[in-house]
């Protein structure tokens, strides 16, 4: 939903959209165009002398990273590093880091962990996975340890994975 809204409103609205940690989409009045552009995924550079803005990252580079994450699910590799992602995306490590900061608004670990947490949330929400241990789901989502999974999942969702799973089960039984 967030990406669809960005596609609809990206740069054509007087409001910018952002997604908070819980995944809620928020809008706000555009008071700082550069900040709004950054939140909408546009890298903004000031052109010295003219004041014009330009985007140094091509849409194809941006789409390549998104495809690697969403379709190829490279985040499931617990050994994924900036170097490895740069190599498979045919980019320089520094260029990849800059792209992540400017297009996605996060560093490498935060970027990858967002995908891992979303994957874990999907697995924890499926009834057919009720027999799987929460720790196993964390490992299947690309985390390399139980402690890391619990810590990062909790920081992103506000709930430990087991509590999140129980909440999904409780929600399903109410329906």
N, C-alpha and C. Protein backbone atom coordinates (compact mmCIF):
# COMPACT_ATOMS: atom_id res chain seq x y z
N UNK A 1 0.83 -1.19 0.00
CA UNK A 1 0.00 0.00 0.00
C UNK A 1 0.88 1.25 0.00
N UNK A 2 1.94 1.22 0.81
CA UNK A 2 2.83 2.37 0.90
C UNK A 2 3.44 2.71 -0.45
N UNK A 3 3.97 1.69 -1.15
CA UNK A 3 4.58 1.94 -2.46
C UNK A 3 3.55 2.42 -3.47
N UNK A 4 2.33 1.90 -3.40
CA UNK A 4 1.28 2.34 -4.32
C UNK A 4 0.94 3.80 -4.07
N UNK A 5 0.85 4.19 -2.80
CA UNK A 5 0.56 5.59 -2.48
C UNK A 5 1.70 6.50 -2.91
N UNK A 6 2.93 6.02 -2.74
CA UNK A 6 4.06 6.81 -3.21
C UNK A 6 4.00 7.01 -4.71
N UNK A 7 3.61 5.97 -5.43
CA UNK A 7 3.51 6.08 -6.88
C UNK A 7 2.44 7.09 -7.28
N UNK A 8 1.35 7.12 -6.54
CA UNK A 8 0.27 8.05 -6.84
C UNK A 8 0.66 9.48 -6.49
N UNK A 9 1.25 9.67 -5.30
CA UNK A 9 1.52 11.02 -4.82
C UNK A 9 2.94 11.50 -5.04
N UNK A 10 3.86 10.62 -5.44
CA UNK A 10 5.28 10.96 -5.55
C UNK A 10 5.56 12.24 -6.31
N UNK A 11 5.80 13.32 -5.58
CA UNK A 11 6.21 14.59 -6.17
C UNK A 11 5.10 15.39 -6.81
N UNK A 12 3.87 14.90 -6.84
CA UNK A 12 2.79 15.61 -7.52
C UNK A 12 1.77 16.17 -6.55
N UNK A 13 2.05 16.06 -5.27
CA UNK A 13 1.10 16.48 -4.27
C UNK A 13 1.73 17.51 -3.36
N UNK A 14 0.89 18.26 -2.67
CA UNK A 14 1.41 19.20 -1.69
C UNK A 14 1.64 18.51 -0.36
N UNK A 15 1.38 17.21 -0.30
CA UNK A 15 1.64 16.43 0.90
C UNK A 15 2.63 15.34 0.57
N UNK A 16 3.44 15.01 1.54
CA UNK A 16 4.38 13.90 1.36
C UNK A 16 3.90 12.76 2.24
N UNK A 17 4.27 11.57 1.87
CA UNK A 17 3.88 10.41 2.64
C UNK A 17 5.11 9.80 3.26
N UNK A 18 4.95 9.26 4.44
CA UNK A 18 6.03 8.51 5.07
C UNK A 18 5.42 7.33 5.79
N UNK A 19 6.26 6.37 6.11
CA UNK A 19 5.79 5.17 6.79
C UNK A 19 6.54 5.10 8.11
N UNK A 20 5.78 5.03 9.23
CA UNK A 20 6.46 4.94 10.50
C UNK A 20 6.83 3.50 10.79
N UNK A 21 7.47 3.26 11.92
CA UNK A 21 7.98 1.92 12.23
C UNK A 21 6.89 0.87 12.26
N UNK A 22 5.68 1.24 12.67
CA UNK A 22 4.62 0.25 12.73
C UNK A 22 3.97 0.01 11.39
N UNK A 23 4.46 0.71 10.34
CA UNK A 23 3.92 0.51 9.01
C UNK A 23 2.75 1.41 8.69
N UNK A 24 2.41 2.31 9.61
CA UNK A 24 1.30 3.22 9.37
C UNK A 24 1.74 4.31 8.41
N UNK A 25 0.92 4.59 7.43
CA UNK A 25 1.24 5.62 6.46
C UNK A 25 0.74 6.95 6.99
N UNK A 26 1.62 7.93 6.99
CA UNK A 26 1.30 9.24 7.53
C UNK A 26 1.45 10.28 6.44
N UNK A 27 0.68 11.34 6.53
CA UNK A 27 0.88 12.45 5.60
C UNK A 27 1.10 13.70 6.41
N UNK A 28 1.75 14.67 5.81
CA UNK A 28 1.97 15.93 6.49
C UNK A 28 2.06 17.03 5.46
N UNK A 29 1.77 18.24 5.91
CA UNK A 29 1.85 19.38 4.99
C UNK A 29 3.29 19.56 4.56
N UNK A 30 3.48 19.87 3.32
CA UNK A 30 4.83 20.00 2.79
C UNK A 30 5.37 21.38 3.13
N UNK A 31 6.25 21.41 4.13
CA UNK A 31 6.88 22.67 4.50
C UNK A 31 8.33 22.71 4.04
N UNK A 32 8.91 21.54 3.87
CA UNK A 32 10.29 21.48 3.42
C UNK A 32 10.35 20.54 2.23
N UNK A 33 10.35 21.09 1.03
CA UNK A 33 10.29 20.29 -0.20
C UNK A 33 11.42 19.26 -0.26
N UNK A 34 12.61 19.64 0.16
CA UNK A 34 13.74 18.71 0.10
C UNK A 34 13.50 17.51 1.02
N UNK A 35 12.99 17.73 2.22
CA UNK A 35 12.69 16.63 3.13
C UNK A 35 11.56 15.77 2.58
N UNK A 36 10.56 16.38 2.01
CA UNK A 36 9.45 15.63 1.41
C UNK A 36 9.96 14.76 0.26
N UNK A 37 10.83 15.31 -0.57
CA UNK A 37 11.39 14.53 -1.67
C UNK A 37 12.17 13.34 -1.13
N UNK A 38 12.95 13.55 -0.07
CA UNK A 38 13.73 12.48 0.51
C UNK A 38 12.81 11.38 1.04
N UNK A 39 11.73 11.74 1.72
CA UNK A 39 10.80 10.75 2.25
C UNK A 39 10.07 10.02 1.13
N UNK A 40 9.89 10.68 0.00
CA UNK A 40 9.23 10.04 -1.13
C UNK A 40 10.20 9.19 -1.95
N UNK A 41 11.45 9.08 -1.48
CA UNK A 41 12.40 8.21 -2.16
C UNK A 41 13.23 8.89 -3.22
N UNK A 42 13.24 10.19 -3.26
CA UNK A 42 14.01 10.91 -4.27
C UNK A 42 15.28 11.44 -3.65
N UNK A 43 16.42 11.14 -4.24
CA UNK A 43 17.66 11.72 -3.77
C UNK A 43 17.70 13.15 -4.25
N UNK A 44 17.96 14.06 -3.34
CA UNK A 44 17.97 15.47 -3.70
C UNK A 44 19.37 16.02 -3.52
N UNK A 45 19.90 16.57 -4.58
CA UNK A 45 21.21 17.21 -4.55
C UNK A 45 21.05 18.65 -4.99
N UNK A 46 21.72 19.54 -4.35
CA UNK A 46 21.71 20.92 -4.79
C UNK A 46 22.77 21.09 -5.86
N UNK A 47 22.40 21.64 -6.97
CA UNK A 47 23.34 21.92 -8.04
C UNK A 47 23.98 23.26 -7.71
N UNK A 48 25.29 23.27 -7.46
CA UNK A 48 25.94 24.49 -7.03
C UNK A 48 25.75 25.60 -8.05
N UNK A 49 25.30 26.73 -7.55
CA UNK A 49 25.14 27.89 -8.40
C UNK A 49 23.74 28.08 -8.93
N UNK A 50 23.06 27.04 -9.37
CA UNK A 50 21.76 27.22 -10.00
C UNK A 50 20.60 26.96 -9.04
N UNK A 51 20.83 26.19 -7.99
CA UNK A 51 19.77 25.87 -7.06
C UNK A 51 18.84 24.78 -7.57
N UNK A 52 19.11 24.20 -8.75
CA UNK A 52 18.26 23.15 -9.29
C UNK A 52 18.58 21.82 -8.61
N UNK A 53 17.57 20.98 -8.53
CA UNK A 53 17.73 19.67 -7.90
C UNK A 53 17.88 18.63 -8.98
N UNK A 54 18.67 17.60 -8.68
CA UNK A 54 18.84 16.52 -9.63
C UNK A 54 18.92 15.19 -8.90
N UNK A 55 18.55 14.14 -9.55
CA UNK A 55 18.58 12.79 -9.00
C UNK A 55 19.71 12.04 -9.69
N UNK A 56 20.75 11.65 -8.91
CA UNK A 56 21.91 11.02 -9.51
C UNK A 56 21.74 9.50 -9.67
N UNK A 57 20.68 8.94 -9.10
CA UNK A 57 20.45 7.51 -9.22
C UNK A 57 19.37 7.26 -10.25
N UNK A 58 19.66 6.39 -11.18
CA UNK A 58 18.68 6.08 -12.22
C UNK A 58 17.57 5.23 -11.63
N UNK A 59 16.42 5.30 -12.27
CA UNK A 59 15.30 4.47 -11.85
C UNK A 59 15.63 3.00 -12.00
N UNK A 60 16.43 2.64 -13.00
CA UNK A 60 16.77 1.23 -13.20
C UNK A 60 17.64 0.71 -12.06
N UNK A 61 18.52 1.53 -11.52
CA UNK A 61 19.35 1.13 -10.38
C UNK A 61 18.47 0.91 -9.16
N UNK A 62 17.56 1.83 -8.94
CA UNK A 62 16.62 1.73 -7.83
C UNK A 62 15.78 0.46 -7.96
N UNK A 63 15.23 0.23 -9.16
CA UNK A 63 14.39 -0.94 -9.40
C UNK A 63 15.18 -2.24 -9.24
N UNK A 64 16.45 -2.22 -9.63
CA UNK A 64 17.29 -3.41 -9.51
C UNK A 64 17.42 -3.83 -8.04
N UNK A 65 17.65 -2.87 -7.17
CA UNK A 65 17.78 -3.17 -5.74
C UNK A 65 16.45 -3.67 -5.18
N UNK A 66 15.36 -3.01 -5.53
CA UNK A 66 14.04 -3.45 -5.07
C UNK A 66 13.74 -4.86 -5.56
N UNK A 67 14.06 -5.15 -6.81
CA UNK A 67 13.82 -6.49 -7.36
C UNK A 67 14.65 -7.54 -6.63
N UNK A 68 15.91 -7.23 -6.36
CA UNK A 68 16.75 -8.18 -5.64
C UNK A 68 16.16 -8.48 -4.26
N UNK A 69 15.58 -7.47 -3.64
CA UNK A 69 15.02 -7.67 -2.31
C UNK A 69 13.66 -8.35 -2.36
N UNK A 70 12.78 -7.87 -3.21
CA UNK A 70 11.40 -8.36 -3.20
C UNK A 70 11.20 -9.65 -3.99
N UNK A 71 11.80 -9.76 -5.15
CA UNK A 71 11.59 -10.95 -5.97
C UNK A 71 12.63 -12.03 -5.69
N UNK A 72 13.88 -11.65 -5.60
CA UNK A 72 14.95 -12.63 -5.37
C UNK A 72 15.15 -12.94 -3.90
N UNK A 73 14.60 -12.12 -3.03
CA UNK A 73 14.67 -12.29 -1.58
C UNK A 73 16.10 -12.52 -1.07
N UNK A 74 17.03 -11.70 -1.54
CA UNK A 74 18.42 -11.86 -1.11
C UNK A 74 18.60 -11.60 0.38
N UNK A 75 17.66 -10.92 1.01
CA UNK A 75 17.72 -10.64 2.44
C UNK A 75 17.64 -11.92 3.28
N UNK A 76 17.19 -13.02 2.68
CA UNK A 76 17.10 -14.29 3.42
C UNK A 76 18.47 -14.90 3.69
N UNK A 77 19.49 -14.41 3.01
CA UNK A 77 20.87 -14.85 3.24
C UNK A 77 21.37 -14.19 4.51
N UNK A 78 21.56 -14.98 5.56
CA UNK A 78 22.02 -14.44 6.84
C UNK A 78 23.42 -13.85 6.73
N UNK A 79 24.16 -14.21 5.70
CA UNK A 79 25.52 -13.70 5.50
C UNK A 79 25.56 -12.53 4.52
N UNK A 80 24.41 -11.95 4.20
CA UNK A 80 24.36 -10.83 3.26
C UNK A 80 25.09 -9.63 3.85
N UNK A 81 25.98 -9.05 3.07
CA UNK A 81 26.72 -7.86 3.48
C UNK A 81 26.54 -6.79 2.42
N UNK A 82 26.98 -5.59 2.76
CA UNK A 82 26.94 -4.50 1.78
C UNK A 82 27.76 -4.88 0.56
N UNK A 83 28.92 -5.48 0.79
CA UNK A 83 29.80 -5.89 -0.30
C UNK A 83 29.11 -6.91 -1.22
N UNK A 84 28.46 -7.89 -0.60
CA UNK A 84 27.79 -8.94 -1.38
C UNK A 84 26.63 -8.37 -2.19
N UNK A 85 25.81 -7.51 -1.57
CA UNK A 85 24.69 -6.90 -2.29
C UNK A 85 25.20 -6.00 -3.41
N UNK A 86 26.27 -5.27 -3.15
CA UNK A 86 26.86 -4.42 -4.20
C UNK A 86 27.34 -5.28 -5.36
N UNK A 87 27.98 -6.39 -5.05
CA UNK A 87 28.49 -7.27 -6.11
C UNK A 87 27.36 -7.85 -6.95
N UNK A 88 26.31 -8.36 -6.32
CA UNK A 88 25.23 -8.98 -7.10
C UNK A 88 24.35 -7.95 -7.81
N UNK A 89 24.40 -6.70 -7.35
CA UNK A 89 23.65 -5.65 -8.05
C UNK A 89 24.53 -4.89 -9.03
N UNK A 90 25.78 -5.33 -9.15
CA UNK A 90 26.72 -4.72 -10.09
C UNK A 90 26.92 -3.24 -9.80
N UNK A 91 27.13 -2.95 -8.51
CA UNK A 91 27.36 -1.58 -8.06
C UNK A 91 28.62 -1.52 -7.21
N UNK A 92 29.13 -0.35 -7.06
CA UNK A 92 30.22 -0.08 -6.14
C UNK A 92 29.61 -0.01 -4.73
N UNK A 93 30.35 -0.49 -3.72
CA UNK A 93 29.86 -0.50 -2.34
C UNK A 93 29.46 0.91 -1.89
N UNK A 94 30.27 1.89 -2.21
CA UNK A 94 29.98 3.27 -1.80
C UNK A 94 28.72 3.78 -2.49
N UNK A 95 28.57 3.43 -3.76
CA UNK A 95 27.38 3.84 -4.52
C UNK A 95 26.12 3.20 -3.92
N UNK A 96 26.21 1.92 -3.55
CA UNK A 96 25.08 1.24 -2.93
C UNK A 96 24.71 1.90 -1.61
N UNK A 97 25.69 2.18 -0.79
CA UNK A 97 25.44 2.83 0.50
C UNK A 97 24.76 4.18 0.31
N UNK A 98 25.22 4.93 -0.67
CA UNK A 98 24.64 6.24 -0.97
C UNK A 98 23.19 6.08 -1.46
N UNK A 99 22.95 5.08 -2.32
CA UNK A 99 21.60 4.81 -2.81
C UNK A 99 20.66 4.47 -1.65
N UNK A 100 21.11 3.61 -0.76
CA UNK A 100 20.27 3.22 0.37
C UNK A 100 19.94 4.42 1.25
N UNK A 101 20.93 5.23 1.51
CA UNK A 101 20.69 6.42 2.35
C UNK A 101 19.74 7.41 1.68
N UNK A 102 19.94 7.64 0.39
CA UNK A 102 19.19 8.69 -0.28
C UNK A 102 17.84 8.25 -0.84
N UNK A 103 17.75 7.05 -1.36
CA UNK A 103 16.49 6.57 -1.94
C UNK A 103 15.61 5.89 -0.90
N UNK A 104 16.23 5.17 0.03
CA UNK A 104 15.45 4.39 0.99
C UNK A 104 15.49 4.99 2.40
N UNK A 105 16.35 5.96 2.62
CA UNK A 105 16.40 6.64 3.91
C UNK A 105 16.95 5.80 5.05
N UNK A 106 17.79 4.81 4.74
CA UNK A 106 18.35 3.99 5.80
C UNK A 106 19.70 3.44 5.39
N UNK A 107 20.42 2.95 6.37
CA UNK A 107 21.67 2.27 6.10
C UNK A 107 21.39 0.83 5.70
N UNK A 108 22.43 0.12 5.36
CA UNK A 108 22.30 -1.26 4.86
C UNK A 108 21.57 -2.15 5.85
N UNK A 109 22.00 -2.20 7.12
CA UNK A 109 21.39 -3.10 8.09
C UNK A 109 19.92 -2.80 8.30
N UNK A 110 19.56 -1.54 8.44
CA UNK A 110 18.16 -1.18 8.63
C UNK A 110 17.32 -1.57 7.41
N UNK A 111 17.89 -1.35 6.24
CA UNK A 111 17.21 -1.67 4.99
C UNK A 111 16.93 -3.17 4.90
N UNK A 112 17.93 -3.98 5.14
CA UNK A 112 17.79 -5.44 5.06
C UNK A 112 16.88 -5.95 6.18
N UNK A 113 17.06 -5.42 7.38
CA UNK A 113 16.25 -5.90 8.51
C UNK A 113 14.76 -5.61 8.32
N UNK A 114 14.44 -4.53 7.63
CA UNK A 114 13.03 -4.23 7.35
C UNK A 114 12.41 -5.36 6.54
N UNK A 115 13.11 -5.82 5.52
CA UNK A 115 12.62 -6.94 4.71
C UNK A 115 12.55 -8.23 5.52
N UNK A 116 13.53 -8.46 6.36
CA UNK A 116 13.55 -9.67 7.18
C UNK A 116 12.39 -9.69 8.16
N UNK A 117 12.13 -8.56 8.80
CA UNK A 117 11.03 -8.48 9.75
C UNK A 117 9.69 -8.69 9.04
N UNK A 118 9.52 -8.05 7.88
CA UNK A 118 8.28 -8.23 7.13
C UNK A 118 8.08 -9.70 6.74
N UNK A 119 9.17 -10.36 6.35
CA UNK A 119 9.10 -11.78 6.00
C UNK A 119 8.69 -12.60 7.22
N UNK A 120 9.32 -12.33 8.35
CA UNK A 120 9.00 -13.05 9.59
C UNK A 120 7.54 -12.81 9.99
N UNK A 121 7.07 -11.59 9.83
CA UNK A 121 5.67 -11.29 10.15
C UNK A 121 4.72 -12.12 9.29
N UNK A 122 5.05 -12.25 8.02
CA UNK A 122 4.21 -13.08 7.13
C UNK A 122 4.21 -14.53 7.59
N UNK A 123 5.39 -15.05 7.90
CA UNK A 123 5.48 -16.45 8.34
C UNK A 123 4.74 -16.66 9.66
N UNK A 124 4.88 -15.72 10.58
CA UNK A 124 4.22 -15.84 11.88
C UNK A 124 2.71 -15.72 11.77
N UNK A 125 2.23 -15.09 10.72
CA UNK A 125 0.79 -14.88 10.53
C UNK A 125 0.07 -16.07 9.90
N UNK A 126 0.83 -16.99 9.33
CA UNK A 126 0.22 -18.12 8.62
C UNK A 126 -0.05 -19.28 9.58
N UNK A 127 -1.29 -19.76 9.56
CA UNK A 127 -1.69 -20.87 10.43
C UNK A 127 -0.86 -22.13 10.18
N UNK A 128 -0.47 -22.35 8.92
CA UNK A 128 0.29 -23.57 8.63
C UNK A 128 1.69 -23.56 9.25
N UNK A 129 2.10 -22.40 9.77
CA UNK A 129 3.42 -22.31 10.42
C UNK A 129 3.33 -22.34 11.94
N UNK A 130 2.13 -22.58 12.49
CA UNK A 130 1.96 -22.60 13.94
C UNK A 130 2.83 -23.65 14.62
N UNK A 131 3.16 -24.72 13.89
CA UNK A 131 3.99 -25.78 14.48
C UNK A 131 5.48 -25.44 14.46
N UNK A 132 5.86 -24.37 13.75
CA UNK A 132 7.27 -23.98 13.68
C UNK A 132 7.65 -23.12 14.88
N UNK A 133 8.83 -23.36 15.42
CA UNK A 133 9.32 -22.54 16.52
C UNK A 133 9.59 -21.13 16.02
N UNK A 134 9.37 -20.16 16.87
CA UNK A 134 9.60 -18.76 16.53
C UNK A 134 11.06 -18.55 16.12
N UNK A 135 11.99 -19.19 16.81
CA UNK A 135 13.40 -19.06 16.49
C UNK A 135 13.69 -19.56 15.07
N UNK A 136 13.04 -20.64 14.69
CA UNK A 136 13.22 -21.19 13.35
C UNK A 136 12.74 -20.19 12.29
N UNK A 137 11.62 -19.55 12.56
CA UNK A 137 11.09 -18.54 11.63
C UNK A 137 12.09 -17.39 11.49
N UNK A 138 12.71 -17.01 12.59
CA UNK A 138 13.74 -15.97 12.54
C UNK A 138 14.90 -16.37 11.65
N UNK A 139 15.36 -17.60 11.80
CA UNK A 139 16.45 -18.09 10.96
C UNK A 139 16.03 -18.16 9.49
N UNK A 140 14.79 -18.58 9.24
CA UNK A 140 14.27 -18.67 7.87
C UNK A 140 14.06 -17.29 7.26
N UNK A 141 14.05 -16.26 8.08
CA UNK A 141 13.86 -14.89 7.60
C UNK A 141 15.18 -14.16 7.39
N UNK A 142 16.30 -14.84 7.64
CA UNK A 142 17.60 -14.26 7.36
C UNK A 142 18.37 -13.79 8.58
N UNK A 143 17.78 -13.91 9.76
CA UNK A 143 18.50 -13.53 10.98
C UNK A 143 19.46 -14.65 11.35
N UNK A 144 20.60 -14.28 11.93
CA UNK A 144 21.60 -15.32 12.21
C UNK A 144 21.59 -15.81 13.65
N UNK A 145 20.72 -15.23 14.49
CA UNK A 145 20.63 -15.72 15.87
C UNK A 145 19.26 -15.37 16.46
N UNK A 146 18.91 -16.11 17.49
CA UNK A 146 17.64 -15.88 18.18
C UNK A 146 17.63 -14.48 18.80
N UNK A 147 18.71 -14.12 19.47
CA UNK A 147 18.78 -12.83 20.16
C UNK A 147 18.63 -11.67 19.17
N UNK A 148 19.32 -11.76 18.04
CA UNK A 148 19.23 -10.70 17.03
C UNK A 148 17.81 -10.62 16.49
N UNK A 149 17.21 -11.76 16.19
CA UNK A 149 15.84 -11.78 15.67
C UNK A 149 14.88 -11.13 16.66
N UNK A 150 14.91 -11.56 17.91
CA UNK A 150 13.99 -11.01 18.91
C UNK A 150 14.19 -9.51 19.08
N UNK A 151 15.43 -9.08 19.15
CA UNK A 151 15.73 -7.66 19.35
C UNK A 151 15.24 -6.80 18.18
N UNK A 152 15.58 -7.19 16.98
CA UNK A 152 15.22 -6.39 15.80
C UNK A 152 13.73 -6.46 15.54
N UNK A 153 13.12 -7.63 15.64
CA UNK A 153 11.69 -7.77 15.43
C UNK A 153 10.94 -6.87 16.42
N UNK A 154 11.33 -6.92 17.68
CA UNK A 154 10.67 -6.12 18.71
C UNK A 154 10.85 -4.62 18.46
N UNK A 155 12.04 -4.22 18.01
CA UNK A 155 12.26 -2.79 17.76
C UNK A 155 11.44 -2.29 16.58
N UNK A 156 11.19 -3.13 15.60
CA UNK A 156 10.41 -2.72 14.42
C UNK A 156 8.90 -2.78 14.68
N UNK A 157 8.43 -3.79 15.42
CA UNK A 157 6.99 -3.98 15.57
C UNK A 157 6.45 -3.52 16.92
N UNK A 158 7.33 -3.40 17.89
CA UNK A 158 6.88 -3.06 19.24
C UNK A 158 6.46 -4.28 20.05
N UNK A 159 6.53 -5.46 19.43
CA UNK A 159 6.15 -6.70 20.10
C UNK A 159 7.20 -7.78 19.85
N UNK A 160 7.46 -8.62 20.85
CA UNK A 160 8.32 -9.78 20.60
C UNK A 160 7.62 -10.71 19.60
N UNK A 161 8.37 -11.50 18.84
CA UNK A 161 7.76 -12.36 17.83
C UNK A 161 6.67 -13.30 18.36
N UNK A 162 6.89 -13.90 19.52
CA UNK A 162 5.90 -14.83 20.07
C UNK A 162 4.60 -14.11 20.42
N UNK A 163 4.70 -12.90 20.93
CA UNK A 163 3.52 -12.11 21.27
C UNK A 163 2.81 -11.69 19.99
N UNK A 164 3.58 -11.32 18.97
CA UNK A 164 3.00 -10.97 17.67
C UNK A 164 2.22 -12.16 17.12
N UNK A 165 2.82 -13.33 17.16
CA UNK A 165 2.15 -14.55 16.67
C UNK A 165 0.86 -14.80 17.44
N UNK A 166 0.92 -14.71 18.75
CA UNK A 166 -0.27 -14.95 19.57
C UNK A 166 -1.36 -13.93 19.24
N UNK A 167 -0.97 -12.69 19.01
CA UNK A 167 -1.94 -11.66 18.64
C UNK A 167 -2.61 -11.98 17.32
N UNK A 168 -1.86 -12.52 16.37
CA UNK A 168 -2.44 -12.91 15.08
C UNK A 168 -3.41 -14.07 15.25
N UNK A 169 -3.08 -15.02 16.12
CA UNK A 169 -3.96 -16.16 16.39
C UNK A 169 -5.24 -15.66 17.06
N UNK A 170 -5.07 -14.78 18.08
CA UNK A 170 -6.24 -14.23 18.78
C UNK A 170 -7.13 -13.45 17.83
N UNK A 171 -6.52 -12.69 16.94
CA UNK A 171 -7.27 -11.90 15.97
C UNK A 171 -8.06 -12.81 15.02
N UNK A 172 -7.44 -13.91 14.63
CA UNK A 172 -8.09 -14.85 13.71
C UNK A 172 -9.27 -15.55 14.38
N UNK A 173 -9.15 -15.86 15.66
CA UNK A 173 -10.24 -16.56 16.36
C UNK A 173 -11.44 -15.63 16.60
N UNK A 174 -11.20 -14.31 16.62
CA UNK A 174 -12.30 -13.36 16.80
C UNK A 174 -13.14 -13.22 15.54
N UNK A 175 -12.54 -13.54 14.39
CA UNK A 175 -13.25 -13.36 13.12
C UNK A 175 -14.27 -14.43 12.88
